[in-house]
């Protein structure tokens, strides 16, 4: 887990868009949010979070192909404590593990 989150950052996630959309309602918790196409806007305190995603070509390692979803996070008017309080449970929900 991260100890802080910048106002704007980008991630490449190893999931399909369908998986992302399936996890998103749970990850958003009690936040009021709305999706339109490949974007989502959430109200966080007195500010908002704008998220955009784009399906990228799969990452290929030998015979393995991993889906890649590039996700851009843009917090506006959300302080560092509020960003952390939102992103920590969001990340835990979106976290994938293997074994």
C-alpha atoms as a PDB file:
ATOM      1  CA  UNK A   1       0.000   0.000   0.000  1.00  0.00           C
ATOM      2  CA  UNK A   2       1.091   3.522  -0.675  1.00  0.00           C
ATOM      3  CA  UNK A   3       1.605   6.023   2.128  1.00  0.00           C
ATOM      4  CA  UNK A   4       0.307   8.949   0.056  1.00  0.00           C
ATOM      5  CA  UNK A   5      -1.383   9.666  -3.261  1.00  0.00           C
ATOM      6  CA  UNK A   6      -0.627  12.531  -5.637  1.00  0.00           C
ATOM      7  CA  UNK A   7      -3.375  14.748  -7.017  1.00  0.00           C
ATOM      8  CA  UNK A   8      -2.815  13.175 -10.434  1.00  0.00           C
ATOM      9  CA  UNK A   9      -1.339   9.808 -11.300  1.00  0.00           C
ATOM     10  CA  UNK A  10      -1.579   7.000 -13.841  1.00  0.00           C
ATOM     11  CA  UNK A  11      -1.587   3.235 -13.416  1.00  0.00           C
ATOM     12  CA  UNK A  12      -1.453   0.266 -15.736  1.00  0.00           C
ATOM     13  CA  UNK A  13      -3.752  -2.354 -14.260  1.00  0.00           C
ATOM     14  CA  UNK A  14      -3.605  -6.034 -15.186  1.00  0.00           C
ATOM     15  CA  UNK A  15      -7.310  -6.491 -15.838  1.00  0.00           C
ATOM     16  CA  UNK A  16      -9.873  -6.297 -18.591  1.00  0.00           C
ATOM     17  CA  UNK A  17     -12.318  -3.415 -18.830  1.00  0.00           C
ATOM     18  CA  UNK A  18     -15.141  -5.823 -17.928  1.00  0.00           C
ATOM     19  CA  UNK A  19     -13.325  -6.852 -14.736  1.00  0.00           C
ATOM     20  CA  UNK A  20     -12.633  -3.191 -13.854  1.00  0.00           C
ATOM     21  CA  UNK A  21     -16.292  -2.273 -14.341  1.00  0.00           C
ATOM     22  CA  UNK A  22     -17.356  -5.228 -12.195  1.00  0.00           C
ATOM     23  CA  UNK A  23     -15.087  -4.182  -9.315  1.00  0.00           C
ATOM     24  CA  UNK A  24     -15.761  -0.437  -9.568  1.00  0.00           C
ATOM     25  CA  UNK A  25     -19.107  -0.258  -7.694  1.00  0.00           C
ATOM     26  CA  UNK A  26     -17.646  -2.043  -4.660  1.00  0.00           C
ATOM     27  CA  UNK A  27     -14.375  -0.065  -4.791  1.00  0.00           C
ATOM     28  CA  UNK A  28     -16.253   3.244  -4.795  1.00  0.00           C
ATOM     29  CA  UNK A  29     -17.801   2.461  -1.416  1.00  0.00           C
ATOM     30  CA  UNK A  30     -20.287   5.103  -0.281  1.00  0.00           C
ATOM     31  CA  UNK A  31     -19.082   7.780  -2.741  1.00  0.00           C
ATOM     32  CA  UNK A  32     -21.583   9.337  -5.098  1.00  0.00           C
ATOM     33  CA  UNK A  33     -20.268   8.675  -8.607  1.00  0.00           C
ATOM     34  CA  UNK A  34     -21.348   8.511 -12.209  1.00  0.00           C
ATOM     35  CA  UNK A  35     -19.858   6.709 -15.189  1.00  0.00           C
ATOM     36  CA  UNK A  36     -20.005   7.795 -18.812  1.00  0.00           C
ATOM     37  CA  UNK A  37     -18.165   5.680 -21.363  1.00  0.00           C
ATOM     38  CA  UNK A  38     -14.543   5.359 -20.293  1.00  0.00           C
ATOM     39  CA  UNK A  39     -14.770   8.041 -17.610  1.00  0.00           C
ATOM     40  CA  UNK A  40     -16.083   8.272 -14.074  1.00  0.00           C
ATOM     41  CA  UNK A  41     -16.574  11.231 -11.741  1.00  0.00           C
ATOM     42  CA  UNK A  42     -16.891  10.789  -7.963  1.00  0.00           C
ATOM     43  CA  UNK A  43     -17.647  13.331  -5.264  1.00  0.00           C
ATOM     44  CA  UNK A  44     -15.125  13.190  -2.406  1.00  0.00           C
ATOM     45  CA  UNK A  45     -15.704  15.705   0.357  1.00  0.00           C
ATOM     46  CA  UNK A  46     -15.861  19.148  -1.221  1.00  0.00           C
ATOM     47  CA  UNK A  47     -13.895  17.983  -4.283  1.00  0.00           C
ATOM     48  CA  UNK A  48     -14.052  15.340  -6.937  1.00  0.00           C
ATOM     49  CA  UNK A  49     -12.131  12.525  -8.549  1.00  0.00           C
ATOM     50  CA  UNK A  50     -12.066  12.204 -12.322  1.00  0.00           C
ATOM     51  CA  UNK A  51     -11.014   8.795 -13.632  1.00  0.00           C
ATOM     52  CA  UNK A  52     -10.405   7.892 -17.262  1.00  0.00           C
ATOM     53  CA  UNK A  53      -9.361   4.490 -18.551  1.00  0.00           C
ATOM     54  CA  UNK A  54      -8.163   3.086 -21.835  1.00  0.00           C
ATOM     55  CA  UNK A  55      -7.745  -0.500 -22.991  1.00  0.00           C
ATOM     56  CA  UNK A  56      -4.131  -1.016 -24.021  1.00  0.00           C
ATOM     57  CA  UNK A  57      -2.511  -3.837 -25.985  1.00  0.00           C
ATOM     58  CA  UNK A  58      -1.907  -6.889 -23.803  1.00  0.00           C
ATOM     59  CA  UNK A  59       1.461  -7.306 -22.121  1.00  0.00           C
ATOM     60  CA  UNK A  60       3.164 -10.387 -23.558  1.00  0.00           C
ATOM     61  CA  UNK A  61       5.767 -12.320 -21.581  1.00  0.00           C
ATOM     62  CA  UNK A  62       6.831 -15.504 -23.348  1.00  0.00           C
ATOM     63  CA  UNK A  63       3.536 -17.367 -23.911  1.00  0.00           C
ATOM     64  CA  UNK A  64       1.611 -15.377 -21.308  1.00  0.00           C
ATOM     65  CA  UNK A  65      -0.682 -12.517 -22.324  1.00  0.00           C
ATOM     66  CA  UNK A  66      -1.883 -10.123 -19.625  1.00  0.00           C
ATOM     67  CA  UNK A  67      -4.611  -7.544 -20.243  1.00  0.00           C
ATOM     68  CA  UNK A  68      -3.637  -3.922 -19.592  1.00  0.00           C
ATOM     69  CA  UNK A  69      -6.004  -1.153 -18.628  1.00  0.00           C
ATOM     70  CA  UNK A  70      -4.396   2.305 -18.335  1.00  0.00           C
ATOM     71  CA  UNK A  71      -6.183   4.304 -15.643  1.00  0.00           C
ATOM     72  CA  UNK A  72      -5.705   8.029 -14.992  1.00  0.00           C
ATOM     73  CA  UNK A  73      -6.713   9.471 -11.612  1.00  0.00           C
ATOM     74  CA  UNK A  74      -7.231  13.247 -11.249  1.00  0.00           C
ATOM     75  CA  UNK A  75      -8.271  14.589  -7.847  1.00  0.00           C
ATOM     76  CA  UNK A  76      -9.577  18.159  -7.796  1.00  0.00           C
ATOM     77  CA  UNK A  77     -10.086  19.962  -4.495  1.00  0.00           C
ATOM     78  CA  UNK A  78      -9.351  16.813  -2.478  1.00  0.00           C
ATOM     79  CA  UNK A  79      -6.675  17.176   0.219  1.00  0.00           C
ATOM     80  CA  UNK A  80      -3.958  14.588   0.922  1.00  0.00           C
ATOM     81  CA  UNK A  81      -5.818  13.034   3.868  1.00  0.00           C
ATOM     82  CA  UNK A  82      -9.031  12.656   1.875  1.00  0.00           C
ATOM     83  CA  UNK A  83      -7.115  11.154  -1.072  1.00  0.00           C
ATOM     84  CA  UNK A  84      -5.508   8.600   1.233  1.00  0.00           C
ATOM     85  CA  UNK A  85      -8.796   7.796   3.000  1.00  0.00           C
ATOM     86  CA  UNK A  86     -10.440   7.152  -0.377  1.00  0.00           C
ATOM     87  CA  UNK A  87      -7.590   5.342  -2.170  1.00  0.00           C
ATOM     88  CA  UNK A  88      -6.608   2.907   0.579  1.00  0.00           C
ATOM     89  CA  UNK A  89      -9.896   0.940   0.539  1.00  0.00           C
ATOM     90  CA  UNK A  90     -10.153   1.476  -3.242  1.00  0.00           C
ATOM     91  CA  UNK A  91      -6.733  -0.164  -3.715  1.00  0.00           C
ATOM     92  CA  UNK A  92      -7.588  -3.010  -1.350  1.00  0.00           C
ATOM     93  CA  UNK A  93     -10.733  -3.705  -3.364  1.00  0.00           C
ATOM     94  CA  UNK A  94      -8.917  -3.593  -6.705  1.00  0.00           C
ATOM     95  CA  UNK A  95      -5.935  -5.607  -5.474  1.00  0.00           C
ATOM     96  CA  UNK A  96      -5.338  -8.917  -7.197  1.00  0.00           C
ATOM     97  CA  UNK A  97      -3.184 -11.696  -5.900  1.00  0.00           C
ATOM     98  CA  UNK A  98      -1.801 -14.913  -7.180  1.00  0.00           C
ATOM     99  CA  UNK A  99      -0.483 -17.990  -5.635  1.00  0.00           C
END
